[in-house]
Amino acid sequence: MADDQDQTPVTTVEEPLDLIRLSLNEKIYVKMRNDRELKGMLHAYDQHLNMILSDVQETVTTVEIDDETYEESYRATTRNIPMLFVRGDGVILVSPPSRATD
């Protein structure tokens, strides 16, 4: 006979990838190398943090320096992507959706 604890879904975080697993089918924030940010629905991932995201909003921030005044100006470019494969070696940070605490 199976133990009752074996059949209940695990909702605690014991390992780093547990946090990602709990975010499946939810909107997440991913910070990438080269000042690139992604927000999208997480569909799949692996141990290398390769991910499949849908309904992605990508924001790329570029810095331009004026040659005369050396003043920095930041410009953000945003685009929407229906489906995206994210290679894990470019991932810096993954933030799960906010969860209400009781």
PDB file of N, CA and C in Angstrom:
ATOM      1  N   MET A   1       0.843  -1.180   0.000  1.00  0.00           N
ATOM      2  CA  MET A   1       0.000   0.000   0.000  1.00  0.00           C
ATOM      3  C   MET A   1       0.890   1.245   0.000  1.00  0.00           C
ATOM      4  N   ALA A   2       0.546   2.216  -0.826  1.00  0.00           N
ATOM      5  CA  ALA A   2       1.356   3.430  -0.973  1.00  0.00           C
ATOM      6  C   ALA A   2       1.173   4.344   0.218  1.00  0.00           C
ATOM      7  N   ASP A   3       2.224   5.005   0.571  1.00  0.00           N
ATOM      8  CA  ASP A   3       2.191   5.976   1.656  1.00  0.00           C
ATOM      9  C   ASP A   3       1.485   7.244   1.180  1.00  0.00           C
ATOM     10  N   ASP A   4       0.656   7.848   2.025  1.00  0.00           N
ATOM     11  CA  ASP A   4      -0.094   9.053   1.651  1.00  0.00           C
ATOM     12  C   ASP A   4       0.834  10.208   1.297  1.00  0.00           C
ATOM     13  N   GLN A   5       2.009  10.274   1.892  1.00  0.00           N
ATOM     14  CA  GLN A   5       2.926  11.371   1.622  1.00  0.00           C
ATOM     15  C   GLN A   5       3.502  11.294   0.213  1.00  0.00           C
ATOM     16  N   ASP A   6       3.586  10.095  -0.362  1.00  0.00           N
ATOM     17  CA  ASP A   6       4.131   9.938  -1.702  1.00  0.00           C
ATOM     18  C   ASP A   6       3.207  10.501  -2.770  1.00  0.00           C
ATOM     19  N   GLN A   7       1.920  10.640  -2.500  1.00  0.00           N
ATOM     20  CA  GLN A   7       0.966  11.063  -3.500  1.00  0.00           C
ATOM     21  C   GLN A   7       0.638  12.548  -3.432  1.00  0.00           C
ATOM     22  N   THR A   8       1.091  13.260  -2.418  1.00  0.00           N
ATOM     23  CA  THR A   8       0.831  14.692  -2.335  1.00  0.00           C
ATOM     24  C   THR A   8       1.910  15.446  -3.094  1.00  0.00           C
ATOM     25  N   PRO A   9       1.539  16.476  -3.867  1.00  0.00           N
ATOM     26  CA  PRO A   9       2.547  17.229  -4.615  1.00  0.00           C
ATOM     27  C   PRO A   9       3.460  18.008  -3.681  1.00  0.00           C
ATOM     28  N   VAL A  10       4.728  18.065  -4.052  1.00  0.00           N
ATOM     29  CA  VAL A  10       5.710  18.781  -3.238  1.00  0.00           C
ATOM     30  C   VAL A  10       5.616  20.271  -3.560  1.00  0.00           C
ATOM     31  N   THR A  11       5.389  21.089  -2.539  1.00  0.00           N
ATOM     32  CA  THR A  11       5.304  22.536  -2.752  1.00  0.00           C
ATOM     33  C   THR A  11       6.372  23.272  -1.956  1.00  0.00           C
ATOM     34  N   THR A  12       7.341  22.531  -1.432  1.00  0.00           N
ATOM     35  CA  THR A  12       8.423  23.170  -0.701  1.00  0.00           C
ATOM     36  C   THR A  12       9.667  23.236  -1.582  1.00  0.00           C
ATOM     37  N   VAL A  13      10.531  24.148  -1.243  1.00  0.00           N
ATOM     38  CA  VAL A  13      11.773  24.325  -1.999  1.00  0.00           C
ATOM     39  C   VAL A  13      12.909  23.734  -1.184  1.00  0.00           C
ATOM     40  N   GLU A  14      13.468  22.621  -1.685  1.00  0.00           N
ATOM     41  CA  GLU A  14      14.590  21.979  -1.011  1.00  0.00           C
ATOM     42  C   GLU A  14      15.876  22.111  -1.822  1.00  0.00           C
ATOM     43  N   GLU A  15      15.737  22.266  -3.134  1.00  0.00           N
ATOM     44  CA  GLU A  15      16.877  22.432  -4.028  1.00  0.00           C
ATOM     45  C   GLU A  15      16.609  23.632  -4.926  1.00  0.00           C
ATOM     46  N   PRO A  16      17.643  24.251  -5.480  1.00  0.00           N
ATOM     47  CA  PRO A  16      17.428  25.445  -6.309  1.00  0.00           C
ATOM     48  C   PRO A  16      16.444  25.248  -7.461  1.00  0.00           C
ATOM     49  N   LEU A  17      16.507  24.124  -8.155  1.00  0.00           N
ATOM     50  CA  LEU A  17      15.609  23.915  -9.291  1.00  0.00           C
ATOM     51  C   LEU A  17      14.159  23.681  -8.871  1.00  0.00           C
ATOM     52  N   ASP A  18      13.917  23.416  -7.576  1.00  0.00           N
ATOM     53  CA  ASP A  18      12.537  23.286  -7.091  1.00  0.00           C
ATOM     54  C   ASP A  18      11.777  24.592  -7.286  1.00  0.00           C
ATOM     55  N   LEU A  19      12.462  25.703  -7.126  1.00  0.00           N
ATOM     56  CA  LEU A  19      11.823  27.005  -7.302  1.00  0.00           C
ATOM     57  C   LEU A  19      11.374  27.193  -8.755  1.00  0.00           C
ATOM     58  N   ILE A  20      12.184  26.736  -9.684  1.00  0.00           N
ATOM     59  CA  ILE A  20      11.822  26.809 -11.097  1.00  0.00           C
ATOM     60  C   ILE A  20      10.655  25.861 -11.379  1.00  0.00           C
ATOM     61  N   ARG A  21      10.707  24.653 -10.822  1.00  0.00           N
ATOM     62  CA  ARG A  21       9.642  23.675 -11.038  1.00  0.00           C
ATOM     63  C   ARG A  21       8.295  24.207 -10.558  1.00  0.00           C
ATOM     64  N   LEU A  22       8.283  24.907  -9.452  1.00  0.00           N
ATOM     65  CA  LEU A  22       7.041  25.472  -8.915  1.00  0.00           C
ATOM     66  C   LEU A  22       6.516  26.622  -9.775  1.00  0.00           C
ATOM     67  N   SER A  23       7.341  27.119 -10.691  1.00  0.00           N
ATOM     68  CA  SER A  23       6.942  28.231 -11.555  1.00  0.00           C
ATOM     69  C   SER A  23       6.478  27.775 -12.937  1.00  0.00           C
ATOM     70  N   LEU A  24       6.400  26.471 -13.165  1.00  0.00           N
ATOM     71  CA  LEU A  24       5.931  25.971 -14.458  1.00  0.00           C
ATOM     72  C   LEU A  24       4.530  26.488 -14.745  1.00  0.00           C
ATOM     73  N   ASN A  25       4.295  26.863 -15.988  1.00  0.00           N
ATOM     74  CA  ASN A  25       3.004  27.406 -16.447  1.00  0.00           C
ATOM     75  C   ASN A  25       2.620  28.703 -15.749  1.00  0.00           C
ATOM     76  N   GLU A  26       3.622  29.430 -15.277  1.00  0.00           N
ATOM     77  CA  GLU A  26       3.406  30.750 -14.678  1.00  0.00           C
ATOM     78  C   GLU A  26       4.364  31.736 -15.327  1.00  0.00           C
ATOM     79  N   LYS A  27       4.049  33.016 -15.203  1.00  0.00           N
ATOM     80  CA  LYS A  27       4.870  34.067 -15.789  1.00  0.00           C
ATOM     81  C   LYS A  27       6.089  34.297 -14.895  1.00  0.00           C
ATOM     82  N   ILE A  28       7.280  34.303 -15.507  1.00  0.00           N
ATOM     83  CA  ILE A  28       8.519  34.512 -14.763  1.00  0.00           C
ATOM     84  C   ILE A  28       9.307  35.661 -15.387  1.00  0.00           C
ATOM     85  N   TYR A  29      10.301  36.138 -14.639  1.00  0.00           N
ATOM     86  CA  TYR A  29      11.221  37.180 -15.087  1.00  0.00           C
ATOM     87  C   TYR A  29      12.602  36.545 -15.192  1.00  0.00           C
ATOM     88  N   VAL A  30      13.283  36.759 -16.320  1.00  0.00           N
ATOM     89  CA  VAL A  30      14.618  36.205 -16.533  1.00  0.00           C
ATOM     90  C   VAL A  30      15.553  37.339 -16.928  1.00  0.00           C
ATOM     91  N   LYS A  31      16.638  37.517 -16.170  1.00  0.00           N
ATOM     92  CA  LYS A  31      17.663  38.500 -16.520  1.00  0.00           C
ATOM     93  C   LYS A  31      18.770  37.742 -17.225  1.00  0.00           C
ATOM     94  N   MET A  32      19.149  38.260 -18.408  1.00  0.00           N
ATOM     95  CA  MET A  32      20.140  37.599 -19.243  1.00  0.00           C
ATOM     96  C   MET A  32      21.420  38.443 -19.326  1.00  0.00           C
ATOM     97  N   ARG A  33      22.453  37.862 -19.903  1.00  0.00           N
ATOM     98  CA  ARG A  33      23.675  38.622 -20.183  1.00  0.00           C
ATOM     99  C   ARG A  33      23.377  39.709 -21.205  1.00  0.00           C
ATOM    100  N   ASN A  34      24.262  40.672 -21.314  1.00  0.00           N
ATOM    101  CA  ASN A  34      24.178  41.759 -22.293  1.00  0.00           C
ATOM    102  C   ASN A  34      22.936  42.629 -22.112  1.00  0.00           C
ATOM    103  N   ASP A  35      22.567  42.900 -20.861  1.00  0.00           N
ATOM    104  CA  ASP A  35      21.464  43.814 -20.532  1.00  0.00           C
ATOM    105  C   ASP A  35      20.166  43.444 -21.239  1.00  0.00           C
ATOM    106  N   ARG A  36      19.830  42.178 -21.186  1.00  0.00           N
ATOM    107  CA  ARG A  36      18.619  41.662 -21.812  1.00  0.00           C
ATOM    108  C   ARG A  36      17.713  41.101 -20.723  1.00  0.00           C
ATOM    109  N   GLU A  37      16.430  41.421 -20.772  1.00  0.00           N
ATOM    110  CA  GLU A  37      15.470  40.946 -19.782  1.00  0.00           C
ATOM    111  C   GLU A  37      14.286  40.309 -20.495  1.00  0.00           C
ATOM    112  N   LEU A  38      13.780  39.223 -19.921  1.00  0.00           N
ATOM    113  CA  LEU A  38      12.655  38.508 -20.501  1.00  0.00           C
ATOM    114  C   LEU A  38      11.562  38.334 -19.458  1.00  0.00           C
ATOM    115  N   LYS A  39      10.321  38.477 -19.884  1.00  0.00           N
ATOM    116  CA  LYS A  39       9.166  38.145 -19.046  1.00  0.00           C
ATOM    117  C   LYS A  39       8.271  37.266 -19.892  1.00  0.00           C
ATOM    118  N   GLY A  40       7.949  36.073 -19.387  1.00  0.00           N
ATOM    119  CA  GLY A  40       7.122  35.173 -20.175  1.00  0.00           C
ATOM    120  C   GLY A  40       6.647  33.987 -19.372  1.00  0.00           C
ATOM    121  N   MET A  41       5.806  33.175 -20.010  1.00  0.00           N
ATOM    122  CA  MET A  41       5.228  31.982 -19.402  1.00  0.00           C
ATOM    123  C   MET A  41       6.204  30.816 -19.559  1.00  0.00           C
ATOM    124  N   LEU A  42       6.582  30.202 -18.430  1.00  0.00           N
ATOM    125  CA  LEU A  42       7.535  29.092 -18.435  1.00  0.00           C
ATOM    126  C   LEU A  42       6.821  27.788 -18.759  1.00  0.00           C
ATOM    127  N   HIS A  43       7.274  27.098 -19.820  1.00  0.00           N
ATOM    128  CA  HIS A  43       6.671  25.820 -20.204  1.00  0.00           C
ATOM    129  C   HIS A  43       7.568  24.629 -19.900  1.00  0.00           C
ATOM    130  N   ALA A  44       8.879  24.795 -20.020  1.00  0.00           N
ATOM    131  CA  ALA A  44       9.805  23.686 -19.780  1.00  0.00           C
ATOM    132  C   ALA A  44      11.177  24.245 -19.425  1.00  0.00           C
ATOM    133  N   TYR A  45      11.986  23.418 -18.737  1.00  0.00           N
ATOM    134  CA  TYR A  45      13.347  23.794 -18.360  1.00  0.00           C
ATOM    135  C   TYR A  45      14.148  22.514 -18.149  1.00  0.00           C
ATOM    136  N   ASP A  46      15.465  22.646 -18.065  1.00  0.00           N
ATOM    137  CA  ASP A  46      16.301  21.502 -17.712  1.00  0.00           C
ATOM    138  C   ASP A  46      17.354  21.937 -16.698  1.00  0.00           C
ATOM    139  N   GLN A  47      18.253  21.020 -16.350  1.00  0.00           N
ATOM    140  CA  GLN A  47      19.234  21.294 -15.300  1.00  0.00           C
ATOM    141  C   GLN A  47      20.240  22.365 -15.693  1.00  0.00           C
ATOM    142  N   HIS A  48      20.320  22.705 -16.990  1.00  0.00           N
ATOM    143  CA  HIS A  48      21.233  23.750 -17.463  1.00  0.00           C
ATOM    144  C   HIS A  48      20.546  25.119 -17.516  1.00  0.00           C
ATOM    145  N   LEU A  49      19.290  25.173 -17.120  1.00  0.00           N
ATOM    146  CA  LEU A  49      18.430  26.361 -17.182  1.00  0.00           C
ATOM    147  C   LEU A  49      18.087  26.753 -18.613  1.00  0.00           C
ATOM    148  N   ASN A  50      18.203  25.804 -19.553  1.00  0.00           N
ATOM    149  CA  ASN A  50      17.588  26.015 -20.853  1.00  0.00           C
ATOM    150  C   ASN A  50      16.091  26.068 -20.591  1.00  0.00           C
ATOM    151  N   MET A  51      15.384  26.992 -21.242  1.00  0.00           N
ATOM    152  CA  MET A  51      13.963  27.158 -20.967  1.00  0.00           C
ATOM    153  C   MET A  51      13.179  27.383 -22.246  1.00  0.00           C
ATOM    154  N   ILE A  52      11.919  26.997 -22.226  1.00  0.00           N
ATOM    155  CA  ILE A  52      10.964  27.327 -23.270  1.00  0.00           C
ATOM    156  C   ILE A  52       9.967  28.305 -22.653  1.00  0.00           C
ATOM    157  N   LEU A  53       9.869  29.505 -23.233  1.00  0.00           N
ATOM    158  CA  LEU A  53       8.953  30.535 -22.757  1.00  0.00           C
ATOM    159  C   LEU A  53       7.980  30.904 -23.871  1.00  0.00           C
ATOM    160  N   SER A  54       6.763  31.251 -23.497  1.00  0.00           N
ATOM    161  CA  SER A  54       5.798  31.756 -24.475  1.00  0.00           C
ATOM    162  C   SER A  54       5.333  33.138 -24.044  1.00  0.00           C
ATOM    163  N   ASP A  55       4.720  33.856 -24.984  1.00  0.00           N
ATOM    164  CA  ASP A  55       4.224  35.220 -24.727  1.00  0.00           C
ATOM    165  C   ASP A  55       5.308  36.061 -24.056  1.00  0.00           C
ATOM    166  N   VAL A  56       6.462  36.099 -24.682  1.00  0.00           N
ATOM    167  CA  VAL A  56       7.649  36.731 -24.094  1.00  0.00           C
ATOM    168  C   VAL A  56       7.712  38.208 -24.462  1.00  0.00           C
ATOM    169  N   GLN A  57       8.022  39.009 -23.453  1.00  0.00           N
ATOM    170  CA  GLN A  57       8.347  40.410 -23.677  1.00  0.00           C
ATOM    171  C   GLN A  57       9.844  40.550 -23.414  1.00  0.00           C
ATOM    172  N   GLU A  58      10.597  40.885 -24.459  1.00  0.00           N
ATOM    173  CA  GLU A  58      12.044  41.045 -24.345  1.00  0.00           C
ATOM    174  C   GLU A  58      12.372  42.528 -24.309  1.00  0.00           C
ATOM    175  N   THR A  59      13.213  42.911 -23.348  1.00  0.00           N
ATOM    176  CA  THR A  59      13.677  44.291 -23.252  1.00  0.00           C
ATOM    177  C   THR A  59      15.198  44.279 -23.304  1.00  0.00           C
ATOM    178  N   VAL A  60      15.749  45.023 -24.263  1.00  0.00           N
ATOM    179  CA  VAL A  60      17.203  45.148 -24.397  1.00  0.00           C
ATOM    180  C   VAL A  60      17.564  46.591 -24.104  1.00  0.00           C
ATOM    181  N   THR A  61      18.470  46.795 -23.150  1.00  0.00           N
ATOM    182  CA  THR A  61      18.898  48.138 -22.769  1.00  0.00           C
ATOM    183  C   THR A  61      20.277  48.403 -23.368  1.00  0.00           C
ATOM    184  N   THR A  62      20.384  49.510 -24.082  1.00  0.00           N
ATOM    185  CA  THR A  62      21.669  49.902 -24.661  1.00  0.00           C
ATOM    186  C   THR A  62      22.093  51.247 -24.085  1.00  0.00           C
ATOM    187  N   VAL A  63      23.400  51.435 -23.971  1.00  0.00           N
ATOM    188  CA  VAL A  63      23.966  52.678 -23.459  1.00  0.00           C
ATOM    189  C   VAL A  63      24.722  53.357 -24.596  1.00  0.00           C
ATOM    190  N   GLU A  64      24.374  54.613 -24.836  1.00  0.00           N
ATOM    191  CA  GLU A  64      25.075  55.402 -25.846  1.00  0.00           C
ATOM    192  C   GLU A  64      25.779  56.554 -25.139  1.00  0.00           C
ATOM    193  N   ILE A  65      27.025  56.795 -25.506  1.00  0.00           N
ATOM    194  CA  ILE A  65      27.820  57.852 -24.881  1.00  0.00           C
ATOM    195  C   ILE A  65      28.056  58.955 -25.896  1.00  0.00           C
ATOM    196  N   ASP A  66      27.694  60.175 -25.520  1.00  0.00           N
ATOM    197  CA  ASP A  66      27.887  61.339 -26.375  1.00  0.00           C
ATOM    198  C   ASP A  66      29.392  61.611 -26.483  1.00  0.00           C
ATOM    199  N   ASP A  67      29.893  61.758 -27.712  1.00  0.00           N
ATOM    200  CA  ASP A  67      31.332  61.959 -27.933  1.00  0.00           C
ATOM    201  C   ASP A  67      31.846  63.287 -27.382  1.00  0.00           C
ATOM    202  N   GLU A  68      30.995  64.303 -27.327  1.00  0.00           N
ATOM    203  CA  GLU A  68      31.441  65.619 -26.872  1.00  0.00           C
ATOM    204  C   GLU A  68      31.317  65.786 -25.359  1.00  0.00           C
ATOM    205  N   THR A  69      30.196  65.372 -24.793  1.00  0.00           N
ATOM    206  CA  THR A  69      29.965  65.590 -23.361  1.00  0.00           C
ATOM    207  C   THR A  69      30.224  64.349 -22.515  1.00  0.00           C
ATOM    208  N   TYR A  70      30.404  63.206 -23.162  1.00  0.00           N
ATOM    209  CA  TYR A  70      30.588  61.919 -22.480  1.00  0.00           C
ATOM    210  C   TYR A  70      29.401  61.567 -21.577  1.00  0.00           C
ATOM    211  N   GLU A  71      28.262  62.134 -21.901  1.00  0.00           N
ATOM    212  CA  GLU A  71      27.044  61.858 -21.147  1.00  0.00           C
ATOM    213  C   GLU A  71      26.451  60.537 -21.631  1.00  0.00           C
ATOM    214  N   GLU A  72      26.042  59.698 -20.665  1.00  0.00           N
ATOM    215  CA  GLU A  72      25.445  58.413 -20.997  1.00  0.00           C
ATOM    216  C   GLU A  72      23.946  58.566 -21.180  1.00  0.00           C
ATOM    217  N   SER A  73      23.427  57.949 -22.206  1.00  0.00           N
ATOM    218  CA  SER A  73      21.975  57.902 -22.384  1.00  0.00           C
ATOM    219  C   SER A  73      21.568  56.445 -22.565  1.00  0.00           C
ATOM    220  N   TYR A  74      20.573  56.036 -21.817  1.00  0.00           N
ATOM    221  CA  TYR A  74      20.096  54.661 -21.846  1.00  0.00           C
ATOM    222  C   TYR A  74      18.856  54.577 -22.725  1.00  0.00           C
ATOM    223  N   ARG A  75      18.804  53.536 -23.550  1.00  0.00           N
ATOM    224  CA  ARG A  75      17.654  53.346 -24.415  1.00  0.00           C
ATOM    225  C   ARG A  75      17.190  51.902 -24.276  1.00  0.00           C
ATOM    226  N   ALA A  76      15.907  51.725 -24.000  1.00  0.00           N
ATOM    227  CA  ALA A  76      15.332  50.384 -23.874  1.00  0.00           C
ATOM    228  C   ALA A  76      14.499  50.083 -25.116  1.00  0.00           C
ATOM    229  N   THR A  77      14.759  48.931 -25.712  1.00  0.00           N
ATOM    230  CA  THR A  77      14.004  48.470 -26.872  1.00  0.00           C
ATOM    231  C   THR A  77      13.222  47.238 -26.451  1.00  0.00           C
ATOM    232  N   THR A  78      11.920  47.238 -26.720  1.00  0.00           N
ATOM    233  CA  THR A  78      11.062  46.132 -26.309  1.00  0.00           C
ATOM    234  C   THR A  78      10.425  45.486 -27.533  1.00  0.00           C
ATOM    235  N   ARG A  79      10.327  44.163 -27.497  1.00  0.00           N
ATOM    236  CA  ARG A  79       9.608  43.443 -28.544  1.00  0.00           C
ATOM    237  C   ARG A  79       8.907  42.238 -27.927  1.00  0.00           C
ATOM    238  N   ASN A  80       7.843  41.781 -28.579  1.00  0.00           N
ATOM    239  CA  ASN A  80       7.081  40.625 -28.118  1.00  0.00           C
ATOM    240  C   ASN A  80       7.398  39.436 -29.013  1.00  0.00           C
ATOM    241  N   ILE A  81       7.593  38.280 -28.378  1.00  0.00           N
ATOM    242  CA  ILE A  81       7.947  37.051 -29.090  1.00  0.00           C
ATOM    243  C   ILE A  81       6.960  35.964 -28.660  1.00  0.00           C
ATOM    244  N   PRO A  82       6.275  35.315 -29.605  1.00  0.00           N
ATOM    245  CA  PRO A  82       5.266  34.313 -29.236  1.00  0.00           C
ATOM    246  C   PRO A  82       5.841  33.075 -28.533  1.00  0.00           C
ATOM    247  N   MET A  83       7.005  32.561 -28.990  1.00  0.00           N
ATOM    248  CA  MET A  83       7.614  31.368 -28.394  1.00  0.00           C
ATOM    249  C   MET A  83       9.122  31.513 -28.499  1.00  0.00           C
ATOM    250  N   LEU A  84       9.838  31.174 -27.408  1.00  0.00           N
ATOM    251  CA  LEU A  84      11.277  31.413 -27.368  1.00  0.00           C
ATOM    252  C   LEU A  84      11.990  30.288 -26.634  1.00  0.00           C
ATOM    253  N   PHE A  85      13.102  29.825 -27.202  1.00  0.00           N
ATOM    254  CA  PHE A  85      14.014  28.913 -26.512  1.00  0.00           C
ATOM    255  C   PHE A  85      15.127  29.766 -25.920  1.00  0.00           C
ATOM    256  N   VAL A  86      15.360  29.638 -24.619  1.00  0.00           N
ATOM    257  CA  VAL A  86      16.400  30.401 -23.926  1.00  0.00           C
ATOM    258  C   VAL A  86      17.517  29.444 -23.561  1.00  0.00           C
ATOM    259  N   ARG A  87      18.716  29.740 -24.030  1.00  0.00           N
ATOM    260  CA  ARG A  87      19.865  28.904 -23.684  1.00  0.00           C
ATOM    261  C   ARG A  87      20.342  29.262 -22.278  1.00  0.00           C
ATOM    262  N   GLY A  88      20.526  28.262 -21.450  1.00  0.00           N
ATOM    263  CA  GLY A  88      20.801  28.464 -20.029  1.00  0.00           C
ATOM    264  C   GLY A  88      22.099  29.161 -19.700  1.00  0.00           C
ATOM    265  N   ASP A  89      23.122  29.081 -20.564  1.00  0.00           N
ATOM    266  CA  ASP A  89      24.398  29.701 -20.195  1.00  0.00           C
ATOM    267  C   ASP A  89      24.351  31.222 -20.249  1.00  0.00           C
ATOM    268  N   GLY A  90      23.275  31.799 -20.782  1.00  0.00           N
ATOM    269  CA  GLY A  90      23.123  33.248 -20.797  1.00  0.00           C
ATOM    270  C   GLY A  90      22.285  33.780 -19.652  1.00  0.00           C
ATOM    271  N   VAL A  91      21.744  32.877 -18.827  1.00  0.00           N
ATOM    272  CA  VAL A  91      20.849  33.274 -17.737  1.00  0.00           C
ATOM    273  C   VAL A  91      21.664  33.738 -16.533  1.00  0.00           C
ATOM    274  N   ILE A  92      21.287  34.909 -15.998  1.00  0.00           N
ATOM    275  CA  ILE A  92      21.914  35.431 -14.780  1.00  0.00           C
ATOM    276  C   ILE A  92      20.997  35.214 -13.579  1.00  0.00           C
ATOM    277  N   LEU A  93      19.691  35.456 -13.775  1.00  0.00           N
ATOM    278  CA  LEU A  93      18.749  35.414 -12.662  1.00  0.00           C
ATOM    279  C   LEU A  93      17.383  34.974 -13.171  1.00  0.00           C
ATOM    280  N   VAL A  94      16.680  34.172 -12.375  1.00  0.00           N
ATOM    281  CA  VAL A  94      15.301  33.788 -12.674  1.00  0.00           C
ATOM    282  C   VAL A  94      14.468  34.135 -11.460  1.00  0.00           C
ATOM    283  N   SER A  95      13.403  34.895 -11.683  1.00  0.00           N
ATOM    284  CA  SER A  95      12.527  35.288 -10.592  1.00  0.00           C
ATOM    285  C   SER A  95      11.142  34.696 -10.815  1.00  0.00           C
ATOM    286  N   PRO A  96      10.674  33.902  -9.854  1.00  0.00           N
ATOM    287  CA  PRO A  96       9.338  33.322  -9.988  1.00  0.00           C
ATOM    288  C   PRO A  96       8.278  34.387  -9.748  1.00  0.00           C
ATOM    289  N   PRO A  97       7.023  34.068 -10.066  1.00  0.00           N
ATOM    290  CA  PRO A  97       5.952  35.028  -9.817  1.00  0.00           C
ATOM    291  C   PRO A  97       5.782  35.287  -8.324  1.00  0.00           C
ATOM    292  N   SER A  98       5.235  36.438  -7.978  1.00  0.00           N
ATOM    293  CA  SER A  98       4.979  36.760  -6.573  1.00  0.00           C
ATOM    294  C   SER A  98       3.894  35.842  -6.046  1.00  0.00           C
ATOM    295  N   ARG A  99       4.078  35.356  -4.865  1.00  0.00           N
ATOM    296  CA  ARG A  99       3.094  34.481  -4.234  1.00  0.00           C
ATOM    297  C   ARG A  99       2.605  35.161  -2.971  1.00  0.00           C
ATOM    298  N   ALA A 100       1.294  35.137  -2.772  1.00  0.00           N
ATOM    299  CA  ALA A 100       0.705  35.738  -1.576  1.00  0.00           C
ATOM    300  C   ALA A 100       0.993  34.828  -0.384  1.00  0.00           C
ATOM    301  N   THR A 101       1.374  35.419   0.730  1.00  0.00           N
ATOM    302  CA  THR A 101       1.610  34.647   1.942  1.00  0.00           C
ATOM    303  C   THR A 101       0.479  34.904   2.926  1.00  0.00           C
ATOM    304  N   ASP A 102       0.071  33.850   3.593  1.00  0.00           N
ATOM    305  CA  ASP A 102      -1.028  33.958   4.570  1.00  0.00           C
ATOM    306  C   ASP A 102      -0.522  34.290   5.941  1.00  0.00           C
TER     307      ASP A 102
END
